[in-house]
């Protein structure tokens, strides 16, 4: 089963940083 995670927030709020953390921790694509 595919999992999609969406991160919403203004510019500079850390969406890319959180995406990288999720990618590394769970082996997902970012």
N, C-alpha and C. Protein backbone atom coordinates (compact mmCIF):
# COMPACT_ATOMS: atom_id res chain seq x y z
N UNK A 1 0.85 -1.17 0.00
CA UNK A 1 0.00 0.00 0.00
C UNK A 1 0.89 1.24 0.00
N UNK A 2 0.61 2.17 -0.87
CA UNK A 2 1.38 3.41 -0.96
C UNK A 2 0.94 4.38 0.12
N UNK A 3 1.91 5.13 0.62
CA UNK A 3 1.64 6.15 1.63
C UNK A 3 2.07 7.49 1.07
N UNK A 4 1.18 8.47 1.14
CA UNK A 4 1.50 9.84 0.72
C UNK A 4 1.44 10.73 1.94
N UNK A 5 2.48 11.53 2.12
CA UNK A 5 2.53 12.48 3.22
C UNK A 5 2.65 13.87 2.61
N UNK A 6 1.77 14.77 3.01
CA UNK A 6 1.81 16.15 2.54
C UNK A 6 2.19 17.05 3.70
N UNK A 7 3.11 17.96 3.44
CA UNK A 7 3.51 18.95 4.45
C UNK A 7 3.11 20.32 3.94
N UNK A 8 2.29 21.01 4.70
CA UNK A 8 1.83 22.35 4.33
C UNK A 8 2.46 23.37 5.26
N UNK A 9 2.78 24.52 4.71
CA UNK A 9 3.30 25.61 5.52
C UNK A 9 3.86 26.69 4.64
N UNK A 10 4.11 27.85 5.24
CA UNK A 10 4.68 28.96 4.47
C UNK A 10 6.14 28.70 4.11
N UNK A 11 6.64 29.51 3.20
CA UNK A 11 8.05 29.41 2.82
C UNK A 11 8.93 29.54 4.06
N UNK A 12 9.96 28.70 4.12
CA UNK A 12 10.91 28.77 5.22
C UNK A 12 10.45 28.11 6.50
N UNK A 13 9.36 27.35 6.46
CA UNK A 13 8.85 26.73 7.69
C UNK A 13 9.43 25.35 7.96
N UNK A 14 10.28 24.84 7.06
CA UNK A 14 10.95 23.56 7.32
C UNK A 14 10.34 22.36 6.64
N UNK A 15 9.51 22.56 5.63
CA UNK A 15 8.88 21.43 4.94
C UNK A 15 9.94 20.54 4.29
N UNK A 16 10.92 21.15 3.65
CA UNK A 16 11.97 20.38 2.99
C UNK A 16 12.83 19.62 3.99
N UNK A 17 13.11 20.25 5.11
CA UNK A 17 13.89 19.61 6.16
C UNK A 17 13.14 18.41 6.72
N UNK A 18 11.87 18.58 7.00
CA UNK A 18 11.07 17.47 7.52
C UNK A 18 10.95 16.36 6.48
N UNK A 19 10.84 16.72 5.21
CA UNK A 19 10.79 15.72 4.15
C UNK A 19 12.05 14.89 4.11
N UNK A 20 13.20 15.53 4.29
CA UNK A 20 14.47 14.80 4.29
C UNK A 20 14.56 13.87 5.50
N UNK A 21 14.07 14.30 6.64
CA UNK A 21 14.09 13.46 7.84
C UNK A 21 13.20 12.23 7.64
N UNK A 22 12.00 12.43 7.11
CA UNK A 22 11.09 11.31 6.85
C UNK A 22 11.71 10.37 5.84
N UNK A 23 12.31 10.92 4.79
CA UNK A 23 12.97 10.10 3.76
C UNK A 23 14.04 9.22 4.38
N UNK A 24 14.90 9.80 5.19
CA UNK A 24 16.00 9.03 5.78
C UNK A 24 15.51 8.01 6.80
N UNK A 25 14.53 8.38 7.60
CA UNK A 25 14.05 7.50 8.67
C UNK A 25 13.24 6.33 8.14
N UNK A 26 12.40 6.59 7.12
CA UNK A 26 11.48 5.56 6.64
C UNK A 26 11.80 5.04 5.25
N UNK A 27 12.87 5.54 4.62
CA UNK A 27 13.27 5.05 3.31
C UNK A 27 12.32 5.42 2.19
N UNK A 28 11.65 6.56 2.32
CA UNK A 28 10.72 7.02 1.30
C UNK A 28 11.43 7.94 0.31
N UNK A 29 10.77 8.25 -0.78
CA UNK A 29 11.28 9.22 -1.75
C UNK A 29 10.90 10.61 -1.30
N UNK A 30 11.74 11.58 -1.68
CA UNK A 30 11.45 12.98 -1.34
C UNK A 30 11.70 13.82 -2.56
